[in-house]
Amino acid sequence: MKFISRKEWGAKLPKSVTSLNWAAIDLIYVHYTSMLSDQTGNPRVKMRGIQDFHMRVKGWTDVAYNWAFAFSGEILEGRGWKVRSAATGAENSHSVAFVFLGGDKAGRDDVTPKGRTALGTLIREALRLKREANGQNAWLKVRGHTQAPGSAGQTDCPGLEILSYIAMRGWEVVEPAIKYPRNFFLFASWYLAEGNFKGQKPHDQSIRPKNLPGRYTPGTAALMVALRHYLRRRNQ
């Protein structure tokens, strides 16, 4: 896991800052940049481009997000832990914002295991800070940008892959003995009728995502084995 500071990626100084009140934080919003081209190249260059766009075009005081993470597992400091974000509209007063430097291409694992590990690291650190402010029983909810209320949620961000993953609480799974198959969290969300499939009939073949393997294939068998393992972990 590599952390890249603002200085290391060449951040400009913010125009101003608004302190983050951790006692009031109850949500984490996960975003993506939506650019598939962000899957390649240097994350430092990407962050400089995002900050320039947010400050010069959007007129914001700094890059919008608290932290960014890449498919390589690198974590880049945005506004950091002590400054309010500008990423999720009216939700900014009680949330922190993480962004994936990449898009969501159907049939491909864009985030990758390293990226999911990086996201999990950020979520666990946010929970630690929340408990430091409110006690050990405090908790944080994790949502995708599109799940924000009102106009803030009128977006496809952060894509189905990340939405399915966070809906399944996948960041809590730390099990080096198993490598989860491709599209596992999308499969689990559909099979259990959770996340984006909430309200549907569990494992309804009529709405089976097209980028999953066929019903009677070794690929699906591997997904079922992984699902049983995951549910045992989740129910512990």
C-alpha atoms as a PDB file:
ATOM      1  CA  MET A   1       0.000   0.000   0.000  1.00  0.00           C
ATOM      2  CA  LYS A   2       1.531   3.299  -1.082  1.00  0.00           C
ATOM      3  CA  PHE A   3       0.309   6.657   0.245  1.00  0.00           C
ATOM      4  CA  ILE A   4       1.032   9.662  -1.938  1.00  0.00           C
ATOM      5  CA  SER A   5       0.921  13.030  -0.180  1.00  0.00           C
ATOM      6  CA  ARG A   6      -0.254  16.301  -1.714  1.00  0.00           C
ATOM      7  CA  LYS A   7       3.359  17.400  -1.962  1.00  0.00           C
ATOM      8  CA  GLU A   8       4.305  14.194  -3.785  1.00  0.00           C
ATOM      9  CA  TRP A   9       1.621  14.588  -6.470  1.00  0.00           C
ATOM     10  CA  GLY A  10       2.270  18.320  -6.835  1.00  0.00           C
ATOM     11  CA  ALA A  11      -0.923  19.804  -5.411  1.00  0.00           C
ATOM     12  CA  LYS A  12      -1.542  23.539  -5.533  1.00  0.00           C
ATOM     13  CA  LEU A  13      -2.288  25.288  -2.273  1.00  0.00           C
ATOM     14  CA  PRO A  14      -6.040  25.484  -1.541  1.00  0.00           C
ATOM     15  CA  LYS A  15      -7.714  28.879  -1.786  1.00  0.00           C
ATOM     16  CA  SER A  16      -9.333  28.279   1.607  1.00  0.00           C
ATOM     17  CA  VAL A  17     -10.270  25.415   3.936  1.00  0.00           C
ATOM     18  CA  THR A  18     -13.293  24.498   6.059  1.00  0.00           C
ATOM     19  CA  SER A  19     -12.545  22.181   8.950  1.00  0.00           C
ATOM     20  CA  LEU A  20     -14.205  18.775   9.118  1.00  0.00           C
ATOM     21  CA  ASN A  21     -16.173  18.055  12.282  1.00  0.00           C
ATOM     22  CA  TRP A  22     -15.753  14.325  12.831  1.00  0.00           C
ATOM     23  CA  ALA A  23     -18.421  14.261  15.531  1.00  0.00           C
ATOM     24  CA  ALA A  24     -20.955  15.141  12.796  1.00  0.00           C
ATOM     25  CA  ILE A  25     -19.685  12.701  10.157  1.00  0.00           C
ATOM     26  CA  ASP A  26     -21.995   9.732   9.572  1.00  0.00           C
ATOM     27  CA  LEU A  27     -21.443   8.884   5.901  1.00  0.00           C
ATOM     28  CA  ILE A  28     -18.729   7.981   3.447  1.00  0.00           C
ATOM     29  CA  TYR A  29     -19.493   8.642  -0.213  1.00  0.00           C
ATOM     30  CA  VAL A  30     -17.508   6.773  -2.865  1.00  0.00           C
ATOM     31  CA  HIS A  31     -17.085   8.367  -6.297  1.00  0.00           C
ATOM     32  CA  TYR A  32     -15.298   7.599  -9.538  1.00  0.00           C
ATOM     33  CA  THR A  33     -13.755   9.886 -12.120  1.00  0.00           C
ATOM     34  CA  SER A  34     -15.653   7.925 -14.845  1.00  0.00           C
ATOM     35  CA  MET A  35     -12.724   8.194 -17.261  1.00  0.00           C
ATOM     36  CA  LEU A  36     -11.591   4.769 -18.434  1.00  0.00           C
ATOM     37  CA  SER A  37      -8.342   6.444 -19.502  1.00  0.00           C
ATOM     38  CA  ASP A  38      -7.614   6.978 -15.800  1.00  0.00           C
ATOM     39  CA  GLN A  39      -6.873   3.258 -15.647  1.00  0.00           C
ATOM     40  CA  THR A  40      -3.505   4.038 -17.220  1.00  0.00           C
ATOM     41  CA  GLY A  41      -0.832   6.588 -16.588  1.00  0.00           C
ATOM     42  CA  ASN A  42       0.521   8.169 -13.446  1.00  0.00           C
ATOM     43  CA  PRO A  43      -2.056   8.783 -10.686  1.00  0.00           C
ATOM     44  CA  ARG A  44      -0.130  11.909  -9.703  1.00  0.00           C
ATOM     45  CA  VAL A  45      -0.753  13.425 -13.134  1.00  0.00           C
ATOM     46  CA  LYS A  46      -4.431  12.502 -12.892  1.00  0.00           C
ATOM     47  CA  MET A  47      -4.759  14.229  -9.535  1.00  0.00           C
ATOM     48  CA  ARG A  48      -3.131  17.394 -10.829  1.00  0.00           C
ATOM     49  CA  GLY A  49      -5.573  17.418 -13.729  1.00  0.00           C
ATOM     50  CA  ILE A  50      -8.579  16.899 -11.456  1.00  0.00           C
ATOM     51  CA  GLN A  51      -7.459  19.625  -9.076  1.00  0.00           C
ATOM     52  CA  ASP A  52      -6.914  22.049 -11.956  1.00  0.00           C
ATOM     53  CA  PHE A  53     -10.389  21.320 -13.337  1.00  0.00           C
ATOM     54  CA  HIS A  54     -12.070  21.708  -9.951  1.00  0.00           C
ATOM     55  CA  MET A  55     -10.296  24.964  -9.114  1.00  0.00           C
ATOM     56  CA  ARG A  56     -10.117  26.651 -12.520  1.00  0.00           C
ATOM     57  CA  VAL A  57     -13.360  25.466 -14.152  1.00  0.00           C
ATOM     58  CA  LYS A  58     -15.618  24.625 -11.193  1.00  0.00           C
ATOM     59  CA  GLY A  59     -14.344  27.513  -9.087  1.00  0.00           C
ATOM     60  CA  TRP A  60     -13.874  25.331  -6.001  1.00  0.00           C
ATOM     61  CA  THR A  61     -11.186  26.013  -3.437  1.00  0.00           C
ATOM     62  CA  ASP A  62      -9.302  22.734  -4.012  1.00  0.00           C
ATOM     63  CA  VAL A  63      -9.666  19.237  -5.447  1.00  0.00           C
ATOM     64  CA  ALA A  64     -13.120  18.102  -4.264  1.00  0.00           C
ATOM     65  CA  TYR A  65     -12.304  14.755  -2.627  1.00  0.00           C
ATOM     66  CA  ASN A  66     -10.748  13.878   0.712  1.00  0.00           C
ATOM     67  CA  TRP A  67      -8.817  10.935  -0.733  1.00  0.00           C
ATOM     68  CA  ALA A  68      -8.357   9.134  -4.051  1.00  0.00           C
ATOM     69  CA  PHE A  69      -7.367   5.543  -4.803  1.00  0.00           C
ATOM     70  CA  ALA A  70      -6.126   3.820  -7.941  1.00  0.00           C
ATOM     71  CA  PHE A  71      -6.484   0.307  -9.353  1.00  0.00           C
ATOM     72  CA  SER A  72      -2.783  -0.146  -8.514  1.00  0.00           C
ATOM     73  CA  GLY A  73      -3.615   0.196  -4.805  1.00  0.00           C
ATOM     74  CA  GLU A  74      -2.038   3.631  -4.459  1.00  0.00           C
ATOM     75  CA  ILE A  75      -3.824   6.097  -2.160  1.00  0.00           C
ATOM     76  CA  LEU A  76      -3.515   9.806  -2.887  1.00  0.00           C
ATOM     77  CA  GLU A  77      -4.205  12.584  -0.415  1.00  0.00           C
ATOM     78  CA  GLY A  78      -6.870  15.026  -1.570  1.00  0.00           C
ATOM     79  CA  ARG A  79      -8.174  17.454   1.023  1.00  0.00           C
ATOM     80  CA  GLY A  80      -7.176  14.962   3.694  1.00  0.00           C
ATOM     81  CA  TRP A  81      -8.924  13.980   6.914  1.00  0.00           C
ATOM     82  CA  LYS A  82      -9.318  17.423   8.463  1.00  0.00           C
ATOM     83  CA  VAL A  83     -10.982  19.408   5.648  1.00  0.00           C
ATOM     84  CA  ARG A  84     -14.581  19.298   4.404  1.00  0.00           C
ATOM     85  CA  SER A  85     -14.995  17.963   0.848  1.00  0.00           C
ATOM     86  CA  ALA A  86     -16.868  19.583  -2.051  1.00  0.00           C
ATOM     87  CA  ALA A  87     -17.829  16.333  -3.766  1.00  0.00           C
ATOM     88  CA  THR A  88     -21.417  15.529  -2.729  1.00  0.00           C
ATOM     89  CA  GLY A  89     -23.436  18.738  -2.573  1.00  0.00           C
ATOM     90  CA  ALA A  90     -25.391  19.357   0.619  1.00  0.00           C
ATOM     91  CA  GLU A  91     -24.048  16.075   2.037  1.00  0.00           C
ATOM     92  CA  ASN A  92     -20.570  17.545   2.462  1.00  0.00           C
ATOM     93  CA  SER A  93     -21.324  18.825   5.966  1.00  0.00           C
ATOM     94  CA  HIS A  94     -21.634  15.302   7.395  1.00  0.00           C
ATOM     95  CA  SER A  95     -19.651  13.073   5.033  1.00  0.00           C
ATOM     96  CA  VAL A  96     -16.216  12.343   3.626  1.00  0.00           C
ATOM     97  CA  ALA A  97     -15.561  11.605  -0.044  1.00  0.00           C
ATOM     98  CA  PHE A  98     -13.275   9.002  -1.631  1.00  0.00           C
ATOM     99  CA  VAL A  99     -12.793   8.758  -5.405  1.00  0.00           C
ATOM    100  CA  PHE A 100     -11.634   5.923  -7.637  1.00  0.00           C
ATOM    101  CA  LEU A 101      -9.319   7.103 -10.410  1.00  0.00           C
ATOM    102  CA  GLY A 102     -11.022   5.183 -13.190  1.00  0.00           C
ATOM    103  CA  GLY A 103     -14.290   4.163 -14.812  1.00  0.00           C
ATOM    104  CA  ASP A 104     -16.652   1.181 -14.979  1.00  0.00           C
ATOM    105  CA  LYS A 105     -16.345  -0.869 -18.137  1.00  0.00           C
ATOM    106  CA  ALA A 106     -18.791  -3.779 -18.396  1.00  0.00           C
ATOM    107  CA  GLY A 107     -17.189  -7.206 -18.100  1.00  0.00           C
ATOM    108  CA  ARG A 108     -13.953  -5.930 -16.597  1.00  0.00           C
ATOM    109  CA  ASP A 109     -12.734  -5.735 -13.021  1.00  0.00           C
ATOM    110  CA  ASP A 110     -11.806  -2.048 -13.107  1.00  0.00           C
ATOM    111  CA  VAL A 111     -11.132  -1.500  -9.407  1.00  0.00           C
ATOM    112  CA  THR A 112      -9.058  -4.699  -8.962  1.00  0.00           C
ATOM    113  CA  PRO A 113      -8.235  -6.417  -5.653  1.00  0.00           C
ATOM    114  CA  LYS A 114      -5.508  -3.848  -4.926  1.00  0.00           C
ATOM    115  CA  GLY A 115      -7.943  -0.983  -5.460  1.00  0.00           C
ATOM    116  CA  ARG A 116     -10.540  -2.602  -3.191  1.00  0.00           C
ATOM    117  CA  THR A 117      -7.885  -3.098  -0.526  1.00  0.00           C
ATOM    118  CA  ALA A 118      -7.025   0.604  -0.799  1.00  0.00           C
ATOM    119  CA  LEU A 119     -10.689   1.576  -0.444  1.00  0.00           C
ATOM    120  CA  GLY A 120     -10.996  -0.685   2.595  1.00  0.00           C
ATOM    121  CA  THR A 121      -7.961   0.960   4.153  1.00  0.00           C
ATOM    122  CA  LEU A 122      -9.550   4.392   3.753  1.00  0.00           C
ATOM    123  CA  ILE A 123     -12.892   3.224   5.153  1.00  0.00           C
ATOM    124  CA  ARG A 124     -11.314   1.635   8.208  1.00  0.00           C
ATOM    125  CA  GLU A 125      -9.265   4.753   8.925  1.00  0.00           C
ATOM    126  CA  ALA A 126     -12.404   6.910   8.634  1.00  0.00           C
ATOM    127  CA  LEU A 127     -14.154   4.603  11.100  1.00  0.00           C
ATOM    128  CA  ARG A 128     -11.214   4.914  13.486  1.00  0.00           C
ATOM    129  CA  LEU A 129     -11.434   8.711  13.358  1.00  0.00           C
ATOM    130  CA  LYS A 130     -15.195   8.576  13.886  1.00  0.00           C
ATOM    131  CA  ARG A 131     -14.791   6.371  16.961  1.00  0.00           C
ATOM    132  CA  GLU A 132     -12.081   8.647  18.253  1.00  0.00           C
ATOM    133  CA  ALA A 133     -14.630  11.476  18.118  1.00  0.00           C
ATOM    134  CA  ASN A 134     -17.783   9.629  19.232  1.00  0.00           C
ATOM    135  CA  GLY A 135     -16.730   6.484  21.062  1.00  0.00           C
ATOM    136  CA  GLN A 136     -16.158   2.850  20.137  1.00  0.00           C
ATOM    137  CA  ASN A 137     -19.813   2.147  19.336  1.00  0.00           C
ATOM    138  CA  ALA A 138     -19.907   4.784  16.583  1.00  0.00           C
ATOM    139  CA  TRP A 139     -20.366   3.625  12.986  1.00  0.00           C
ATOM    140  CA  LEU A 140     -20.274   5.041   9.471  1.00  0.00           C
ATOM    141  CA  LYS A 141     -22.481   4.165   6.512  1.00  0.00           C
ATOM    142  CA  VAL A 142     -20.854   3.773   3.099  1.00  0.00           C
ATOM    143  CA  ARG A 143     -22.767   4.906   0.002  1.00  0.00           C
ATOM    144  CA  GLY A 144     -22.150   5.512  -3.680  1.00  0.00           C
ATOM    145  CA  HIS A 145     -22.485   9.076  -4.956  1.00  0.00           C
ATOM    146  CA  THR A 146     -25.699   8.200  -6.805  1.00  0.00           C
ATOM    147  CA  GLN A 147     -27.293   7.183  -3.495  1.00  0.00           C
ATOM    148  CA  ALA A 148     -27.077  10.719  -2.109  1.00  0.00           C
ATOM    149  CA  PRO A 149     -30.471  12.408  -1.631  1.00  0.00           C
ATOM    150  CA  GLY A 150     -31.791  15.132  -3.900  1.00  0.00           C
ATOM    151  CA  SER A 151     -29.840  16.684  -6.729  1.00  0.00           C
ATOM    152  CA  ALA A 152     -26.525  15.460  -5.304  1.00  0.00           C
ATOM    153  CA  GLY A 153     -27.434  11.910  -6.302  1.00  0.00           C
ATOM    154  CA  GLN A 154     -28.445  12.643  -9.905  1.00  0.00           C
ATOM    155  CA  THR A 155     -25.463  10.834 -11.399  1.00  0.00           C
ATOM    156  CA  ASP A 156     -24.304   7.349 -12.420  1.00  0.00           C
ATOM    157  CA  CYS A 157     -21.220   7.733 -10.217  1.00  0.00           C
ATOM    158  CA  PRO A 158     -19.548   5.518  -8.984  1.00  0.00           C
ATOM    159  CA  GLY A 159     -20.756   2.821 -11.407  1.00  0.00           C
ATOM    160  CA  LEU A 160     -22.313  -0.582 -10.801  1.00  0.00           C
ATOM    161  CA  GLU A 161     -19.063  -2.338  -9.887  1.00  0.00           C
ATOM    162  CA  ILE A 162     -18.284  -0.085  -6.927  1.00  0.00           C
ATOM    163  CA  LEU A 163     -21.954   0.155  -5.907  1.00  0.00           C
ATOM    164  CA  SER A 164     -22.250  -3.627  -5.763  1.00  0.00           C
ATOM    165  CA  TYR A 165     -19.006  -3.912  -3.864  1.00  0.00           C
ATOM    166  CA  ILE A 166     -19.833  -1.390  -1.147  1.00  0.00           C
ATOM    167  CA  ALA A 167     -23.390  -2.749  -0.843  1.00  0.00           C
ATOM    168  CA  MET A 168     -21.920  -6.136   0.052  1.00  0.00           C
ATOM    169  CA  ARG A 169     -19.574  -4.580   2.653  1.00  0.00           C
ATOM    170  CA  GLY A 170     -16.747  -6.182   0.724  1.00  0.00           C
ATOM    171  CA  TRP A 171     -14.096  -3.940   2.273  1.00  0.00           C
ATOM    172  CA  GLU A 172     -14.509  -5.841   5.556  1.00  0.00           C
ATOM    173  CA  VAL A 173     -13.333  -9.078   3.971  1.00  0.00           C
ATOM    174  CA  VAL A 174      -9.660  -9.602   4.753  1.00  0.00           C
ATOM    175  CA  GLU A 175      -9.012 -13.226   3.915  1.00  0.00           C
ATOM    176  CA  PRO A 176      -5.692 -13.870   2.147  1.00  0.00           C
ATOM    177  CA  ALA A 177      -6.510 -17.558   1.695  1.00  0.00           C
ATOM    178  CA  ILE A 178      -9.162 -16.846  -0.946  1.00  0.00           C
ATOM    179  CA  LYS A 179      -9.048 -14.774  -4.106  1.00  0.00           C
ATOM    180  CA  TYR A 180     -12.560 -13.664  -4.981  1.00  0.00           C
ATOM    181  CA  PRO A 181     -13.480 -14.405  -8.613  1.00  0.00           C
ATOM    182  CA  ARG A 182     -14.037 -11.690 -11.171  1.00  0.00           C
ATOM    183  CA  ASN A 183     -17.338  -9.804 -10.691  1.00  0.00           C
ATOM    184  CA  PHE A 184     -17.919 -11.621  -7.387  1.00  0.00           C
ATOM    185  CA  PHE A 185     -19.519  -8.659  -5.609  1.00  0.00           C
ATOM    186  CA  LEU A 186     -21.826  -7.975  -8.549  1.00  0.00           C
ATOM    187  CA  PHE A 187     -22.845 -11.655  -8.497  1.00  0.00           C
ATOM    188  CA  ALA A 188     -23.399 -11.671  -4.731  1.00  0.00           C
ATOM    189  CA  SER A 189     -25.485  -8.496  -4.859  1.00  0.00           C
ATOM    190  CA  TRP A 190     -27.700 -10.004  -7.589  1.00  0.00           C
ATOM    191  CA  TYR A 191     -27.897 -13.481  -6.013  1.00  0.00           C
ATOM    192  CA  LEU A 192     -28.907 -12.117  -2.594  1.00  0.00           C
ATOM    193  CA  ALA A 193     -31.076  -9.280  -3.960  1.00  0.00           C
ATOM    194  CA  GLU A 194     -29.055  -6.629  -2.146  1.00  0.00           C
ATOM    195  CA  GLY A 195     -27.615  -3.282  -3.169  1.00  0.00           C
ATOM    196  CA  ASN A 196     -28.833  -2.310  -6.657  1.00  0.00           C
ATOM    197  CA  PHE A 197     -30.978  -5.459  -6.752  1.00  0.00           C
ATOM    198  CA  LYS A 198     -32.825  -4.769  -3.504  1.00  0.00           C
ATOM    199  CA  GLY A 199     -36.547  -5.405  -3.906  1.00  0.00           C
ATOM    200  CA  GLN A 200     -36.009  -7.999  -6.651  1.00  0.00           C
ATOM    201  CA  LYS A 201     -36.392 -11.736  -6.279  1.00  0.00           C
ATOM    202  CA  PRO A 202     -33.086 -13.313  -5.175  1.00  0.00           C
ATOM    203  CA  HIS A 203     -31.100 -14.923  -8.042  1.00  0.00           C
ATOM    204  CA  ASP A 204     -33.832 -14.091 -10.580  1.00  0.00           C
ATOM    205  CA  GLN A 205     -32.442 -15.373 -13.888  1.00  0.00           C
ATOM    206  CA  SER A 206     -34.475 -12.840 -15.864  1.00  0.00           C
ATOM    207  CA  ILE A 207     -32.371 -10.001 -14.447  1.00  0.00           C
ATOM    208  CA  ARG A 208     -29.066 -11.855 -14.235  1.00  0.00           C
ATOM    209  CA  PRO A 209     -26.279  -9.400 -15.176  1.00  0.00           C
ATOM    210  CA  LYS A 210     -24.968 -10.142 -18.646  1.00  0.00           C
ATOM    211  CA  ASN A 211     -21.322  -9.953 -17.640  1.00  0.00           C
ATOM    212  CA  LEU A 212     -21.624 -12.958 -15.287  1.00  0.00           C
ATOM    213  CA  PRO A 213     -20.696 -16.460 -16.486  1.00  0.00           C
ATOM    214  CA  GLY A 214     -23.471 -18.788 -17.660  1.00  0.00           C
ATOM    215  CA  ARG A 215     -25.746 -20.519 -15.180  1.00  0.00           C
ATOM    216  CA  TYR A 216     -24.190 -23.991 -15.403  1.00  0.00           C
ATOM    217  CA  THR A 217     -20.499 -23.280 -15.845  1.00  0.00           C
ATOM    218  CA  PRO A 218     -17.321 -23.684 -13.794  1.00  0.00           C
ATOM    219  CA  GLY A 219     -17.280 -19.880 -13.483  1.00  0.00           C
ATOM    220  CA  THR A 220     -20.612 -19.802 -11.690  1.00  0.00           C
ATOM    221  CA  ALA A 221     -19.609 -22.746  -9.501  1.00  0.00           C
ATOM    222  CA  ALA A 222     -16.541 -20.783  -8.400  1.00  0.00           C
ATOM    223  CA  LEU A 223     -18.743 -17.788  -7.602  1.00  0.00           C
ATOM    224  CA  MET A 224     -21.046 -19.949  -5.448  1.00  0.00           C
ATOM    225  CA  VAL A 225     -18.095 -21.372  -3.494  1.00  0.00           C
ATOM    226  CA  ALA A 226     -16.814 -17.851  -2.896  1.00  0.00           C
ATOM    227  CA  LEU A 227     -20.307 -16.697  -1.858  1.00  0.00           C
ATOM    228  CA  ARG A 228     -20.605 -19.410   0.798  1.00  0.00           C
ATOM    229  CA  HIS A 229     -17.195 -18.401   2.140  1.00  0.00           C
ATOM    230  CA  TYR A 230     -18.110 -14.716   2.123  1.00  0.00           C
ATOM    231  CA  LEU A 231     -21.411 -15.273   3.944  1.00  0.00           C
ATOM    232  CA  ARG A 232     -19.663 -17.260   6.656  1.00  0.00           C
ATOM    233  CA  ARG A 233     -17.271 -14.353   7.132  1.00  0.00           C
ATOM    234  CA  ARG A 234     -20.075 -11.785   7.123  1.00  0.00           C
ATOM    235  CA  ASN A 235     -22.149 -13.647   9.691  1.00  0.00           C
ATOM    236  CA  GLN A 236     -19.326 -14.147  12.183  1.00  0.00           C
END
